[in-house]
Amino acid sequence: MKSMQKGFTLIELMIVVAIIAILAAIAIPQYQNYITKTQFTESQTIADGLKTPIVEFSNQNGSCPTNTSGGFLPGASYKGKYVASVAVGGTYPTCTVTATFKATGSVSQPLGGQTTILTGTVNGGTVSWTCSATGIPDKYLPQVCRASQT
């Protein structure tokens, strides 16, 4: 009787390893971009939660609140997993919410220590909000926060 060996040859195994390496080379950077974008959204979520209280305060007082006025907490009280602090302020009629990310190591490298600013402009009882970010590449920002937006 003839005996047949079963299994993979060395070349077949090397081809499989090469395919896995190519897929990993594509997937890892995309995953890192996804993680950075996800961490950035925390700053927007925290800032969005402050919009309504800021609008109410400015409508009632004719000024922008600060972290120590009108029931607003100190900046470090608004921290998150990736956001170190949030400062509320501005000069009426332009109120701002400035979120500062934690240092690199606890957050993705492109976000480490950077800030994002949500600016509300009061116009006759309504407020229009714009977003900007300093030091963060556009590819990690939502469309409304990109500097290249027109």
Protein backbone atom coordinates (compact mmCIF):
# COMPACT_ATOMS: atom_id res chain seq x y z
CA MET A 1 0.00 0.00 0.00
CA LYS A 2 0.97 3.49 -0.77
CA SER A 3 1.25 5.89 2.15
CA MET A 4 0.19 9.53 1.58
CA GLN A 5 1.34 12.28 3.82
CA LYS A 6 -1.13 15.01 4.64
CA GLY A 7 -0.37 18.57 5.67
CA PHE A 8 0.87 21.87 4.35
CA THR A 9 4.14 22.51 2.62
CA LEU A 10 6.50 25.17 3.82
CA ILE A 11 5.72 27.43 0.88
CA GLU A 12 1.98 27.26 1.58
CA LEU A 13 2.55 28.25 5.20
CA MET A 14 4.81 31.14 4.15
CA ILE A 15 2.12 32.42 1.76
CA VAL A 16 -0.48 32.37 4.55
CA VAL A 17 1.87 34.26 6.90
CA ALA A 18 2.56 36.85 4.17
CA ILE A 19 -1.17 37.38 3.58
CA ILE A 20 -1.79 37.84 7.31
CA ALA A 21 1.09 40.34 7.53
CA ILE A 22 -0.32 42.38 4.62
CA LEU A 23 -3.79 42.45 6.17
CA ALA A 24 -2.34 43.51 9.54
CA ALA A 25 -0.32 46.30 7.89
CA ILE A 26 -3.56 47.70 6.48
CA ALA A 27 -5.82 47.10 9.48
CA ILE A 28 -3.67 48.38 12.37
CA PRO A 29 -3.37 52.02 11.18
CA GLN A 30 -7.09 52.11 10.39
CA TYR A 31 -7.89 50.79 13.85
CA GLN A 32 -5.64 53.45 15.45
CA ASN A 33 -7.45 56.18 13.47
CA TYR A 34 -10.77 54.79 14.62
CA ILE A 35 -9.66 54.80 18.27
CA THR A 36 -8.46 58.42 18.03
CA LYS A 37 -11.75 59.55 16.46
CA THR A 38 -13.69 57.74 19.15
CA GLN A 39 -11.66 59.37 21.92
CA PHE A 40 -12.21 62.79 20.32
CA THR A 41 -15.99 62.34 20.48
CA GLU A 42 -15.81 62.30 24.28
CA SER A 43 -14.85 65.99 24.24
CA GLN A 44 -17.85 66.77 22.05
CA THR A 45 -20.21 64.78 24.23
CA ILE A 46 -19.11 66.64 27.37
CA ALA A 47 -19.31 70.01 25.59
CA ASP A 48 -22.75 69.21 24.17
CA GLY A 49 -23.99 68.58 27.70
CA LEU A 50 -23.02 72.14 28.62
CA LYS A 51 -24.74 73.88 25.68
CA THR A 52 -28.21 74.17 27.21
CA PRO A 53 -27.03 75.46 30.61
CA ILE A 54 -24.81 78.02 28.85
CA VAL A 55 -27.68 79.24 26.67
CA GLU A 56 -29.99 79.52 29.70
CA PHE A 57 -27.35 81.39 31.68
CA SER A 58 -26.56 83.83 28.87
CA ASN A 59 -30.25 84.49 28.17
CA GLN A 60 -30.97 85.20 31.84
CA ASN A 61 -27.83 87.18 32.67
CA GLY A 62 -26.70 88.74 29.40
CA SER A 63 -23.21 87.32 29.93
CA CYS A 64 -21.24 84.13 29.48
CA PRO A 65 -20.85 81.83 32.46
CA THR A 66 -17.51 80.74 33.86
CA ASN A 67 -16.55 77.58 35.72
CA THR A 68 -17.20 79.36 39.01
CA SER A 69 -20.51 81.10 38.24
CA GLY A 70 -24.15 80.23 37.89
CA GLY A 71 -23.96 76.66 39.10
CA PHE A 72 -21.13 75.65 36.79
CA LEU A 73 -18.49 73.40 38.32
CA PRO A 74 -14.69 73.79 38.25
CA GLY A 75 -13.10 72.63 34.98
CA ALA A 76 -11.69 69.38 36.40
CA SER A 77 -15.23 68.33 37.40
CA TYR A 78 -16.13 67.85 33.75
CA LYS A 79 -13.33 65.38 33.06
CA GLY A 80 -13.80 62.07 31.31
CA LYS A 81 -11.75 59.03 30.46
CA TYR A 82 -9.79 61.02 27.83
CA VAL A 83 -10.65 64.64 28.69
CA ALA A 84 -8.68 66.21 31.55
CA SER A 85 -10.83 69.32 32.04
CA VAL A 86 -13.38 71.61 30.44
CA ALA A 87 -13.28 75.39 30.77
CA VAL A 88 -16.44 77.46 30.33
CA GLY A 89 -16.08 81.14 29.57
CA GLY A 90 -15.88 83.74 26.85
CA THR A 91 -16.86 87.35 26.34
CA TYR A 92 -20.54 87.92 25.67
CA PRO A 93 -21.99 87.43 23.04
CA THR A 94 -19.41 84.70 22.30
CA CYS A 95 -19.35 81.93 24.91
CA THR A 96 -16.84 79.08 24.74
CA VAL A 97 -16.42 75.54 26.00
CA THR A 98 -12.77 74.47 25.85
CA ALA A 99 -12.02 70.78 26.39
CA THR A 100 -8.41 69.77 27.08
CA PHE A 101 -7.36 66.18 26.53
CA LYS A 102 -5.21 64.24 28.97
CA ALA A 103 -1.49 63.82 28.31
CA THR A 104 -0.19 61.29 25.83
CA GLY A 105 -0.17 57.83 27.36
CA SER A 106 -3.73 57.89 28.63
CA VAL A 107 -5.07 59.09 25.27
CA SER A 108 -4.07 58.58 21.61
CA GLN A 109 -0.86 60.40 20.70
CA PRO A 110 -2.49 62.92 18.28
CA LEU A 111 -4.87 64.07 21.04
CA GLY A 112 -2.47 64.17 24.00
CA GLY A 113 -2.65 67.59 25.70
CA GLN A 114 -4.53 69.18 22.78
CA THR A 115 -7.71 71.27 23.02
CA THR A 116 -11.01 71.54 21.20
CA ILE A 117 -13.19 74.64 21.43
CA LEU A 118 -16.94 74.82 21.03
CA THR A 119 -17.89 78.46 20.41
CA GLY A 120 -21.45 79.68 20.84
CA THR A 121 -22.46 83.04 19.40
CA VAL A 122 -25.57 84.59 20.96
CA ASN A 123 -27.83 86.34 18.47
CA GLY A 124 -31.20 87.54 19.76
CA GLY A 125 -31.85 84.71 22.19
CA THR A 126 -30.54 81.95 19.92
CA VAL A 127 -27.04 80.56 19.92
CA SER A 128 -25.17 79.15 16.92
CA TRP A 129 -22.33 76.78 17.76
CA THR A 130 -19.08 76.17 15.90
CA CYS A 131 -16.29 73.75 16.63
CA SER A 132 -12.53 74.11 16.26
CA ALA A 133 -9.51 72.16 17.43
CA THR A 134 -5.89 73.16 17.93
CA GLY A 135 -3.02 70.84 17.12
CA ILE A 136 -5.21 67.91 16.06
CA PRO A 137 -4.97 66.77 12.42
CA ASP A 138 -8.22 67.14 10.45
CA LYS A 139 -8.42 63.42 9.71
CA TYR A 140 -9.35 62.75 13.34
CA LEU A 141 -12.03 65.45 13.54
CA PRO A 142 -15.68 65.34 12.58
CA GLN A 143 -16.48 67.39 9.47
CA VAL A 144 -17.93 70.31 11.47
CA CYS A 145 -14.66 70.77 13.36
CA ARG A 146 -12.28 70.71 10.41
CA ALA A 147 -10.30 73.83 9.57
CA SER A 148 -10.68 73.12 5.86
CA GLN A 149 -14.47 73.30 6.17
CA THR A 150 -16.05 76.07 4.07
